[in-house]
mmCIF file of all heavy atoms, coordinates in Angstrom:
data_MODEL
# 
_entry.id   MODEL 
# 
loop_
_atom_site.group_PDB 
_atom_site.id 
_atom_site.type_symbol 
_atom_site.label_atom_id 
_atom_site.label_alt_id 
_atom_site.label_comp_id 
_atom_site.label_asym_id 
_atom_site.label_entity_id 
_atom_site.label_seq_id 
_atom_site.pdbx_PDB_ins_code 
_atom_site.Cartn_x 
_atom_site.Cartn_y 
_atom_site.Cartn_z 
_atom_site.occupancy 
_atom_site.B_iso_or_equiv 
_atom_site.pdbx_formal_charge 
_atom_site.auth_seq_id 
_atom_site.auth_comp_id 
_atom_site.auth_asym_id 
_atom_site.auth_atom_id 
_atom_site.pdbx_PDB_model_num 
ATOM 1   N N   . GLY A 1 1  ? 74.866 54.288 49.079 1.00 0.00 ? 1  GLY A N   1 
ATOM 2   C CA  . GLY A 1 1  ? 74.164 54.240 47.802 1.00 0.00 ? 1  GLY A CA  1 
ATOM 3   C C   . GLY A 1 1  ? 74.742 55.211 46.773 1.00 0.00 ? 1  GLY A C   1 
ATOM 4   O O   . GLY A 1 1  ? 74.563 55.009 45.556 1.00 0.00 ? 1  GLY A O   1 
ATOM 5   N N   . PHE A 1 2  ? 75.223 56.356 47.261 1.00 0.00 ? 2  PHE A N   1 
ATOM 6   C CA  . PHE A 1 2  ? 75.751 57.318 46.364 1.00 0.00 ? 2  PHE A CA  1 
ATOM 7   C C   . PHE A 1 2  ? 77.012 56.798 45.713 1.00 0.00 ? 2  PHE A C   1 
ATOM 8   O O   . PHE A 1 2  ? 77.130 56.845 44.461 1.00 0.00 ? 2  PHE A O   1 
ATOM 9   C CB  . PHE A 1 2  ? 76.201 58.653 47.171 1.00 0.00 ? 2  PHE A CB  1 
ATOM 10  C CG  . PHE A 1 2  ? 76.637 59.768 46.345 1.00 0.00 ? 2  PHE A CG  1 
ATOM 11  C CD1 . PHE A 1 2  ? 75.785 60.885 46.215 1.00 0.00 ? 2  PHE A CD1 1 
ATOM 12  C CD2 . PHE A 1 2  ? 77.831 59.776 45.674 1.00 0.00 ? 2  PHE A CD2 1 
ATOM 13  C CE1 . PHE A 1 2  ? 76.052 61.914 45.388 1.00 0.00 ? 2  PHE A CE1 1 
ATOM 14  C CE2 . PHE A 1 2  ? 78.090 60.856 44.861 1.00 0.00 ? 2  PHE A CE2 1 
ATOM 15  C CZ  . PHE A 1 2  ? 77.316 61.944 44.733 1.00 0.00 ? 2  PHE A CZ  1 
ATOM 16  N N   . VAL A 1 3  ? 77.774 56.105 46.433 1.00 0.00 ? 3  VAL A N   1 
ATOM 17  C CA  . VAL A 1 3  ? 79.005 55.487 45.785 1.00 0.00 ? 3  VAL A CA  1 
ATOM 18  C C   . VAL A 1 3  ? 78.653 54.313 44.867 1.00 0.00 ? 3  VAL A C   1 
ATOM 19  O O   . VAL A 1 3  ? 79.163 54.251 43.671 1.00 0.00 ? 3  VAL A O   1 
ATOM 20  C CB  . VAL A 1 3  ? 80.002 54.926 46.983 1.00 0.00 ? 3  VAL A CB  1 
ATOM 21  C CG1 . VAL A 1 3  ? 81.200 54.112 46.304 1.00 0.00 ? 3  VAL A CG1 1 
ATOM 22  C CG2 . VAL A 1 3  ? 80.457 56.073 47.819 1.00 0.00 ? 3  VAL A CG2 1 
ATOM 23  N N   . SER A 1 4  ? 77.678 53.549 45.191 1.00 0.00 ? 4  SER A N   1 
ATOM 24  C CA  . SER A 1 4  ? 77.251 52.463 44.309 1.00 0.00 ? 4  SER A CA  1 
ATOM 25  C C   . SER A 1 4  ? 76.795 52.953 42.963 1.00 0.00 ? 4  SER A C   1 
ATOM 26  O O   . SER A 1 4  ? 77.077 52.462 41.907 1.00 0.00 ? 4  SER A O   1 
ATOM 27  C CB  . SER A 1 4  ? 76.243 51.464 44.870 1.00 0.00 ? 4  SER A CB  1 
ATOM 28  O OG  . SER A 1 4  ? 75.110 52.225 45.269 1.00 0.00 ? 4  SER A OG  1 
ATOM 29  N N   . ASN A 1 5  ? 76.067 53.986 42.924 1.00 0.00 ? 5  ASN A N   1 
ATOM 30  C CA  . ASN A 1 5  ? 75.546 54.655 41.702 1.00 0.00 ? 5  ASN A CA  1 
ATOM 31  C C   . ASN A 1 5  ? 76.551 55.238 41.014 1.00 0.00 ? 5  ASN A C   1 
ATOM 32  O O   . ASN A 1 5  ? 76.861 55.028 39.671 1.00 0.00 ? 5  ASN A O   1 
ATOM 33  C CB  . ASN A 1 5  ? 74.422 55.678 41.961 1.00 0.00 ? 5  ASN A CB  1 
ATOM 34  C CG  . ASN A 1 5  ? 73.063 55.116 42.023 1.00 0.00 ? 5  ASN A CG  1 
ATOM 35  O OD1 . ASN A 1 5  ? 72.865 54.150 41.313 1.00 0.00 ? 5  ASN A OD1 1 
ATOM 36  N ND2 . ASN A 1 5  ? 72.085 55.861 42.570 1.00 0.00 ? 5  ASN A ND2 1 
ATOM 37  N N   . GLU A 1 6  ? 77.498 56.043 41.569 1.00 0.00 ? 6  GLU A N   1 
ATOM 38  C CA  . GLU A 1 6  ? 78.502 56.756 40.912 1.00 0.00 ? 6  GLU A CA  1 
ATOM 39  C C   . GLU A 1 6  ? 79.627 55.826 40.402 1.00 0.00 ? 6  GLU A C   1 
ATOM 40  O O   . GLU A 1 6  ? 79.978 55.878 39.138 1.00 0.00 ? 6  GLU A O   1 
ATOM 41  C CB  . GLU A 1 6  ? 79.282 57.740 41.869 1.00 0.00 ? 6  GLU A CB  1 
ATOM 42  C CG  . GLU A 1 6  ? 80.235 58.688 41.261 1.00 0.00 ? 6  GLU A CG  1 
ATOM 43  C CD  . GLU A 1 6  ? 81.621 58.056 40.968 1.00 0.00 ? 6  GLU A CD  1 
ATOM 44  O OE1 . GLU A 1 6  ? 82.055 57.160 41.706 1.00 0.00 ? 6  GLU A OE1 1 
ATOM 45  O OE2 . GLU A 1 6  ? 82.155 58.477 39.951 1.00 0.00 ? 6  GLU A OE2 1 
ATOM 46  N N   . ALA A 1 7  ? 79.971 54.760 41.092 1.00 0.00 ? 7  ALA A N   1 
ATOM 47  C CA  . ALA A 1 7  ? 80.995 53.840 40.545 1.00 0.00 ? 7  ALA A CA  1 
ATOM 48  C C   . ALA A 1 7  ? 80.399 52.918 39.591 1.00 0.00 ? 7  ALA A C   1 
ATOM 49  O O   . ALA A 1 7  ? 81.038 52.653 38.527 1.00 0.00 ? 7  ALA A O   1 
ATOM 50  C CB  . ALA A 1 7  ? 81.370 53.023 41.772 1.00 0.00 ? 7  ALA A CB  1 
ATOM 51  N N   . ALA A 1 8  ? 79.202 52.453 39.749 1.00 0.00 ? 8  ALA A N   1 
ATOM 52  C CA  . ALA A 1 8  ? 78.712 51.370 38.891 1.00 0.00 ? 8  ALA A CA  1 
ATOM 53  C C   . ALA A 1 8  ? 78.305 51.967 37.470 1.00 0.00 ? 8  ALA A C   1 
ATOM 54  O O   . ALA A 1 8  ? 78.734 51.452 36.404 1.00 0.00 ? 8  ALA A O   1 
ATOM 55  C CB  . ALA A 1 8  ? 77.481 50.671 39.476 1.00 0.00 ? 8  ALA A CB  1 
ATOM 56  N N   . ILE A 1 9  ? 77.514 53.149 37.484 1.00 0.00 ? 9  ILE A N   1 
ATOM 57  C CA  . ILE A 1 9  ? 77.186 53.722 36.305 1.00 0.00 ? 9  ILE A CA  1 
ATOM 58  C C   . ILE A 1 9  ? 78.384 54.112 35.408 1.00 0.00 ? 9  ILE A C   1 
ATOM 59  O O   . ILE A 1 9  ? 78.486 53.904 34.169 1.00 0.00 ? 9  ILE A O   1 
ATOM 60  C CB  . ILE A 1 9  ? 76.275 54.935 36.527 1.00 0.00 ? 9  ILE A CB  1 
ATOM 61  C CG1 . ILE A 1 9  ? 74.934 54.469 37.111 1.00 0.00 ? 9  ILE A CG1 1 
ATOM 62  C CG2 . ILE A 1 9  ? 76.060 55.763 35.268 1.00 0.00 ? 9  ILE A CG2 1 
ATOM 63  C CD1 . ILE A 1 9  ? 73.968 55.580 37.483 1.00 0.00 ? 9  ILE A CD1 1 
ATOM 64  N N   . SER A 1 10 ? 79.461 54.735 36.007 1.00 0.00 ? 10 SER A N   1 
ATOM 65  C CA  . SER A 1 10 ? 80.535 55.351 35.359 1.00 0.00 ? 10 SER A CA  1 
ATOM 66  C C   . SER A 1 10 ? 81.323 54.138 34.823 1.00 0.00 ? 10 SER A C   1 
ATOM 67  O O   . SER A 1 10 ? 81.898 54.148 33.639 1.00 0.00 ? 10 SER A O   1 
ATOM 68  C CB  . SER A 1 10 ? 81.377 56.194 36.259 1.00 0.00 ? 10 SER A CB  1 
ATOM 69  O OG  . SER A 1 10 ? 81.891 55.445 37.359 1.00 0.00 ? 10 SER A OG  1 
ATOM 70  N N   . THR A 1 11 ? 81.461 53.102 35.526 1.00 0.00 ? 11 THR A N   1 
ATOM 71  C CA  . THR A 1 11 ? 82.227 51.926 35.063 1.00 0.00 ? 11 THR A CA  1 
ATOM 72  C C   . THR A 1 11 ? 81.825 51.239 33.994 1.00 0.00 ? 11 THR A C   1 
ATOM 73  O O   . THR A 1 11 ? 82.350 50.796 33.037 1.00 0.00 ? 11 THR A O   1 
ATOM 74  C CB  . THR A 1 11 ? 82.533 50.990 36.296 1.00 0.00 ? 11 THR A CB  1 
ATOM 75  O OG1 . THR A 1 11 ? 83.328 51.682 37.304 1.00 0.00 ? 11 THR A OG1 1 
ATOM 76  C CG2 . THR A 1 11 ? 83.429 49.815 35.899 1.00 0.00 ? 11 THR A CG2 1 
ATOM 77  N N   . ILE A 1 12 ? 80.338 50.831 34.082 1.00 0.00 ? 12 ILE A N   1 
ATOM 78  C CA  . ILE A 1 12 ? 79.595 50.143 33.065 1.00 0.00 ? 12 ILE A CA  1 
ATOM 79  C C   . ILE A 1 12 ? 79.678 50.955 31.792 1.00 0.00 ? 12 ILE A C   1 
ATOM 80  O O   . ILE A 1 12 ? 79.937 50.318 30.653 1.00 0.00 ? 12 ILE A O   1 
ATOM 81  C CB  . ILE A 1 12 ? 78.183 49.933 33.517 1.00 0.00 ? 12 ILE A CB  1 
ATOM 82  C CG1 . ILE A 1 12 ? 78.167 48.881 34.735 1.00 0.00 ? 12 ILE A CG1 1 
ATOM 83  C CG2 . ILE A 1 12 ? 77.378 49.390 32.398 1.00 0.00 ? 12 ILE A CG2 1 
ATOM 84  C CD1 . ILE A 1 12 ? 76.771 48.811 35.365 1.00 0.00 ? 12 ILE A CD1 1 
ATOM 85  N N   . ALA A 1 13 ? 79.392 52.208 31.771 1.00 0.00 ? 13 ALA A N   1 
ATOM 86  C CA  . ALA A 1 13 ? 79.359 53.027 30.641 1.00 0.00 ? 13 ALA A CA  1 
ATOM 87  C C   . ALA A 1 13 ? 80.645 53.195 29.961 1.00 0.00 ? 13 ALA A C   1 
ATOM 88  O O   . ALA A 1 13 ? 80.892 53.066 28.797 1.00 0.00 ? 13 ALA A O   1 
ATOM 89  C CB  . ALA A 1 13 ? 78.920 54.428 30.885 1.00 0.00 ? 13 ALA A CB  1 
ATOM 90  N N   . LYS A 1 14 ? 81.834 53.273 30.761 1.00 0.00 ? 14 LYS A N   1 
ATOM 91  C CA  . LYS A 1 14 ? 83.179 53.282 30.227 1.00 0.00 ? 14 LYS A CA  1 
ATOM 92  C C   . LYS A 1 14 ? 83.493 51.969 29.493 1.00 0.00 ? 14 LYS A C   1 
ATOM 93  O O   . LYS A 1 14 ? 84.232 51.986 28.492 1.00 0.00 ? 14 LYS A O   1 
ATOM 94  C CB  . LYS A 1 14 ? 84.169 53.593 31.332 1.00 0.00 ? 14 LYS A CB  1 
ATOM 95  C CG  . LYS A 1 14 ? 84.249 54.957 31.829 1.00 0.00 ? 14 LYS A CG  1 
ATOM 96  C CD  . LYS A 1 14 ? 85.208 55.076 32.982 1.00 0.00 ? 14 LYS A CD  1 
ATOM 97  C CE  . LYS A 1 14 ? 85.342 56.622 33.568 1.00 0.00 ? 14 LYS A CE  1 
ATOM 98  N NZ  . LYS A 1 14 ? 86.234 56.618 34.737 1.00 0.00 ? 14 LYS A NZ  1 
ATOM 99  N N   . LEU A 1 15 ? 83.098 50.799 30.052 1.00 0.00 ? 15 LEU A N   1 
ATOM 100 C CA  . LEU A 1 15 ? 83.364 49.507 29.457 1.00 0.00 ? 15 LEU A CA  1 
ATOM 101 C C   . LEU A 1 15 ? 82.586 49.274 28.101 1.00 0.00 ? 15 LEU A C   1 
ATOM 102 O O   . LEU A 1 15 ? 83.013 48.440 27.263 1.00 0.00 ? 15 LEU A O   1 
ATOM 103 C CB  . LEU A 1 15 ? 83.157 48.412 30.476 1.00 0.00 ? 15 LEU A CB  1 
ATOM 104 C CG  . LEU A 1 15 ? 84.132 48.390 31.623 1.00 0.00 ? 15 LEU A CG  1 
ATOM 105 C CD1 . LEU A 1 15 ? 83.672 47.405 32.626 1.00 0.00 ? 15 LEU A CD1 1 
ATOM 106 C CD2 . LEU A 1 15 ? 85.509 48.158 31.184 1.00 0.00 ? 15 LEU A CD2 1 
ATOM 107 N N   . LEU A 1 16 ? 81.450 49.953 27.992 1.00 0.00 ? 16 LEU A N   1 
ATOM 108 C CA  . LEU A 1 16 ? 80.669 49.756 26.773 1.00 0.00 ? 16 LEU A CA  1 
ATOM 109 C C   . LEU A 1 16 ? 81.273 50.633 25.649 1.00 0.00 ? 16 LEU A C   1 
ATOM 110 O O   . LEU A 1 16 ? 81.409 51.804 25.772 1.00 0.00 ? 16 LEU A O   1 
ATOM 111 C CB  . LEU A 1 16 ? 79.186 49.997 26.943 1.00 0.00 ? 16 LEU A CB  1 
ATOM 112 C CG  . LEU A 1 16 ? 78.449 49.113 28.009 1.00 0.00 ? 16 LEU A CG  1 
ATOM 113 C CD1 . LEU A 1 16 ? 77.056 49.740 28.280 1.00 0.00 ? 16 LEU A CD1 1 
ATOM 114 C CD2 . LEU A 1 16 ? 78.334 47.715 27.362 1.00 0.00 ? 16 LEU A CD2 1 
ATOM 115 N N   . PRO A 1 17 ? 81.519 50.026 24.507 1.00 0.00 ? 17 PRO A N   1 
ATOM 116 C CA  . PRO A 1 17 ? 82.178 50.805 23.355 1.00 0.00 ? 17 PRO A CA  1 
ATOM 117 C C   . PRO A 1 17 ? 81.227 51.859 22.820 1.00 0.00 ? 17 PRO A C   1 
ATOM 118 O O   . PRO A 1 17 ? 80.150 51.420 22.486 1.00 0.00 ? 17 PRO A O   1 
ATOM 119 C CB  . PRO A 1 17 ? 82.444 49.749 22.409 1.00 0.00 ? 17 PRO A CB  1 
ATOM 120 C CG  . PRO A 1 17 ? 81.671 48.655 22.667 1.00 0.00 ? 17 PRO A CG  1 
ATOM 121 C CD  . PRO A 1 17 ? 81.434 48.589 24.242 1.00 0.00 ? 17 PRO A CD  1 
ATOM 122 N N   . ASP A 1 18 ? 81.749 53.103 22.719 1.00 0.00 ? 18 ASP A N   1 
ATOM 123 C CA  . ASP A 1 18 ? 80.930 54.241 22.184 1.00 0.00 ? 18 ASP A CA  1 
ATOM 124 C C   . ASP A 1 18 ? 79.574 54.256 22.776 1.00 0.00 ? 18 ASP A C   1 
ATOM 125 O O   . ASP A 1 18 ? 78.496 54.483 22.131 1.00 0.00 ? 18 ASP A O   1 
ATOM 126 C CB  . ASP A 1 18 ? 80.804 53.999 20.625 1.00 0.00 ? 18 ASP A CB  1 
ATOM 127 C CG  . ASP A 1 18 ? 80.118 55.317 19.987 1.00 0.00 ? 18 ASP A CG  1 
ATOM 128 O OD1 . ASP A 1 18 ? 80.216 56.466 20.589 1.00 0.00 ? 18 ASP A OD1 1 
ATOM 129 O OD2 . ASP A 1 18 ? 79.380 55.131 18.834 1.00 0.00 ? 18 ASP A OD2 1 
ATOM 130 N N   . CYS A 1 19 ? 79.447 54.080 24.244 1.00 0.00 ? 19 CYS A N   1 
ATOM 131 C CA  . CYS A 1 19 ? 78.263 54.168 24.897 1.00 0.00 ? 19 CYS A CA  1 
ATOM 132 C C   . CYS A 1 19 ? 77.477 55.451 24.938 1.00 0.00 ? 19 CYS A C   1 
ATOM 133 O O   . CYS A 1 19 ? 78.154 56.413 24.997 1.00 0.00 ? 19 CYS A O   1 
ATOM 134 C CB  . CYS A 1 19 ? 78.474 53.697 26.279 1.00 0.00 ? 19 CYS A CB  1 
ATOM 135 S SG  . CYS A 1 19 ? 76.988 53.560 27.272 1.00 0.00 ? 19 CYS A SG  1 
ATOM 136 N N   . LEU A 1 20 ? 76.255 55.431 24.783 1.00 0.00 ? 20 LEU A N   1 
ATOM 137 C CA  . LEU A 1 20 ? 75.335 56.603 24.975 1.00 0.00 ? 20 LEU A CA  1 
ATOM 138 C C   . LEU A 1 20 ? 74.508 56.281 26.218 1.00 0.00 ? 20 LEU A C   1 
ATOM 139 O O   . LEU A 1 20 ? 73.836 55.285 26.317 1.00 0.00 ? 20 LEU A O   1 
ATOM 140 C CB  . LEU A 1 20 ? 74.406 56.650 23.707 1.00 0.00 ? 20 LEU A CB  1 
ATOM 141 C CG  . LEU A 1 20 ? 73.186 57.760 23.999 1.00 0.00 ? 20 LEU A CG  1 
ATOM 142 C CD1 . LEU A 1 20 ? 73.718 59.131 24.131 1.00 0.00 ? 20 LEU A CD1 1 
ATOM 143 C CD2 . LEU A 1 20 ? 72.405 57.656 22.819 1.00 0.00 ? 20 LEU A CD2 1 
ATOM 144 N N   . ILE A 1 21 ? 74.506 57.115 27.165 1.00 0.00 ? 21 ILE A N   1 
ATOM 145 C CA  . ILE A 1 21 ? 73.716 57.024 28.440 1.00 0.00 ? 21 ILE A CA  1 
ATOM 146 C C   . ILE A 1 21 ? 72.460 57.925 28.146 1.00 0.00 ? 21 ILE A C   1 
ATOM 147 O O   . ILE A 1 21 ? 72.464 59.040 27.789 1.00 0.00 ? 21 ILE A O   1 
ATOM 148 C CB  . ILE A 1 21 ? 74.525 57.623 29.692 1.00 0.00 ? 21 ILE A CB  1 
ATOM 149 C CG1 . ILE A 1 21 ? 75.629 56.792 29.914 1.00 0.00 ? 21 ILE A CG1 1 
ATOM 150 C CG2 . ILE A 1 21 ? 73.569 57.601 30.849 1.00 0.00 ? 21 ILE A CG2 1 
ATOM 151 C CD1 . ILE A 1 21 ? 76.451 57.170 31.167 1.00 0.00 ? 21 ILE A CD1 1 
ATOM 152 N N   . LEU A 1 22 ? 71.351 57.378 28.489 1.00 0.00 ? 22 LEU A N   1 
ATOM 153 C CA  . LEU A 1 22 ? 70.036 58.040 28.393 1.00 0.00 ? 22 LEU A CA  1 
ATOM 154 C C   . LEU A 1 22 ? 69.491 58.097 29.825 1.00 0.00 ? 22 LEU A C   1 
ATOM 155 O O   . LEU A 1 22 ? 69.260 57.072 30.435 1.00 0.00 ? 22 LEU A O   1 
ATOM 156 C CB  . LEU A 1 22 ? 68.970 57.267 27.580 1.00 0.00 ? 22 LEU A CB  1 
ATOM 157 C CG  . LEU A 1 22 ? 69.565 57.070 26.125 1.00 0.00 ? 22 LEU A CG  1 
ATOM 158 C CD1 . LEU A 1 22 ? 69.084 55.881 25.376 1.00 0.00 ? 22 LEU A CD1 1 
ATOM 159 C CD2 . LEU A 1 22 ? 69.198 58.292 25.257 1.00 0.00 ? 22 LEU A CD2 1 
ATOM 160 N N   . SER A 1 23 ? 69.413 59.312 30.433 1.00 0.00 ? 23 SER A N   1 
ATOM 161 C CA  . SER A 1 23 ? 69.223 59.468 31.790 1.00 0.00 ? 23 SER A CA  1 
ATOM 162 C C   . SER A 1 23 ? 67.837 60.304 31.972 1.00 0.00 ? 23 SER A C   1 
ATOM 163 O O   . SER A 1 23 ? 67.688 61.371 31.315 1.00 0.00 ? 23 SER A O   1 
ATOM 164 C CB  . SER A 1 23 ? 70.367 60.261 32.404 1.00 0.00 ? 23 SER A CB  1 
ATOM 165 O OG  . SER A 1 23 ? 70.242 60.546 33.763 1.00 0.00 ? 23 SER A OG  1 
ATOM 166 N N   . ASP A 1 24 ? 67.076 59.895 32.956 1.00 0.00 ? 24 ASP A N   1 
ATOM 167 C CA  . ASP A 1 24 ? 65.882 60.512 33.311 1.00 0.00 ? 24 ASP A CA  1 
ATOM 168 C C   . ASP A 1 24 ? 66.253 61.892 33.869 1.00 0.00 ? 24 ASP A C   1 
ATOM 169 O O   . ASP A 1 24 ? 67.178 62.062 34.726 1.00 0.00 ? 24 ASP A O   1 
ATOM 170 C CB  . ASP A 1 24 ? 65.014 59.770 34.353 1.00 0.00 ? 24 ASP A CB  1 
ATOM 171 C CG  . ASP A 1 24 ? 63.631 60.376 34.661 1.00 0.00 ? 24 ASP A CG  1 
ATOM 172 O OD1 . ASP A 1 24 ? 63.522 61.450 35.333 1.00 0.00 ? 24 ASP A OD1 1 
ATOM 173 O OD2 . ASP A 1 24 ? 62.735 59.871 34.023 1.00 0.00 ? 24 ASP A OD2 1 
ATOM 174 N N   . ALA A 1 25 ? 65.463 62.957 33.590 1.00 0.00 ? 25 ALA A N   1 
ATOM 175 C CA  . ALA A 1 25 ? 65.714 64.352 33.981 1.00 0.00 ? 25 ALA A CA  1 
ATOM 176 C C   . ALA A 1 25 ? 65.768 64.628 35.395 1.00 0.00 ? 25 ALA A C   1 
ATOM 177 O O   . ALA A 1 25 ? 66.365 65.433 35.981 1.00 0.00 ? 25 ALA A O   1 
ATOM 178 C CB  . ALA A 1 25 ? 64.739 65.279 33.346 1.00 0.00 ? 25 ALA A CB  1 
ATOM 179 N N   . LEU A 1 26 ? 65.040 63.741 36.247 1.00 0.00 ? 26 LEU A N   1 
ATOM 180 C CA  . LEU A 1 26 ? 64.889 63.872 37.680 1.00 0.00 ? 26 LEU A CA  1 
ATOM 181 C C   . LEU A 1 26 ? 65.815 62.782 38.436 1.00 0.00 ? 26 LEU A C   1 
ATOM 182 O O   . LEU A 1 26 ? 65.524 62.530 39.624 1.00 0.00 ? 26 LEU A O   1 
ATOM 183 C CB  . LEU A 1 26 ? 63.611 63.963 38.145 1.00 0.00 ? 26 LEU A CB  1 
ATOM 184 C CG  . LEU A 1 26 ? 62.637 65.098 37.610 1.00 0.00 ? 26 LEU A CG  1 
ATOM 185 C CD1 . LEU A 1 26 ? 61.412 65.019 38.424 1.00 0.00 ? 26 LEU A CD1 1 
ATOM 186 C CD2 . LEU A 1 26 ? 63.472 66.393 37.975 1.00 0.00 ? 26 LEU A CD2 1 
ATOM 187 N N   . ASN A 1 27 ? 66.685 62.209 37.687 1.00 0.00 ? 27 ASN A N   1 
ATOM 188 C CA  . ASN A 1 27 ? 67.577 61.241 38.492 1.00 0.00 ? 27 ASN A CA  1 
ATOM 189 C C   . ASN A 1 27 ? 68.324 61.930 39.703 1.00 0.00 ? 27 ASN A C   1 
ATOM 190 O O   . ASN A 1 27 ? 68.620 63.154 39.594 1.00 0.00 ? 27 ASN A O   1 
ATOM 191 C CB  . ASN A 1 27 ? 68.575 60.679 37.509 1.00 0.00 ? 27 ASN A CB  1 
ATOM 192 C CG  . ASN A 1 27 ? 67.999 59.505 36.741 1.00 0.00 ? 27 ASN A CG  1 
ATOM 193 O OD1 . ASN A 1 27 ? 66.952 58.804 37.228 1.00 0.00 ? 27 ASN A OD1 1 
ATOM 194 N ND2 . ASN A 1 27 ? 68.657 59.079 35.627 1.00 0.00 ? 27 ASN A ND2 1 
ATOM 195 N N   . HIS A 1 28 ? 68.740 61.159 40.594 1.00 0.00 ? 28 HIS A N   1 
ATOM 196 C CA  . HIS A 1 28 ? 69.381 61.449 41.827 1.00 0.00 ? 28 HIS A CA  1 
ATOM 197 C C   . HIS A 1 28 ? 70.676 62.015 41.454 1.00 0.00 ? 28 HIS A C   1 
ATOM 198 O O   . HIS A 1 28 ? 71.335 61.644 40.436 1.00 0.00 ? 28 HIS A O   1 
ATOM 199 C CB  . HIS A 1 28 ? 69.403 60.333 42.771 1.00 0.00 ? 28 HIS A CB  1 
ATOM 200 C CG  . HIS A 1 28 ? 69.955 60.763 44.123 1.00 0.00 ? 28 HIS A CG  1 
ATOM 201 N ND1 . HIS A 1 28 ? 71.283 60.601 44.469 1.00 0.00 ? 28 HIS A ND1 1 
ATOM 202 C CD2 . HIS A 1 28 ? 69.377 61.383 45.227 1.00 0.00 ? 28 HIS A CD2 1 
ATOM 203 C CE1 . HIS A 1 28 ? 71.602 61.016 45.725 1.00 0.00 ? 28 HIS A CE1 1 
ATOM 204 N NE2 . HIS A 1 28 ? 70.346 61.453 46.194 1.00 0.00 ? 28 HIS A NE2 1 
# 
């Protein structure tokens, strides 16, 4: 699960042009 989060979030955000990530303060 650690790898799926790290890999998926980083990849999706990189592919989105000029992406802004909005992250909950207590995310894992």
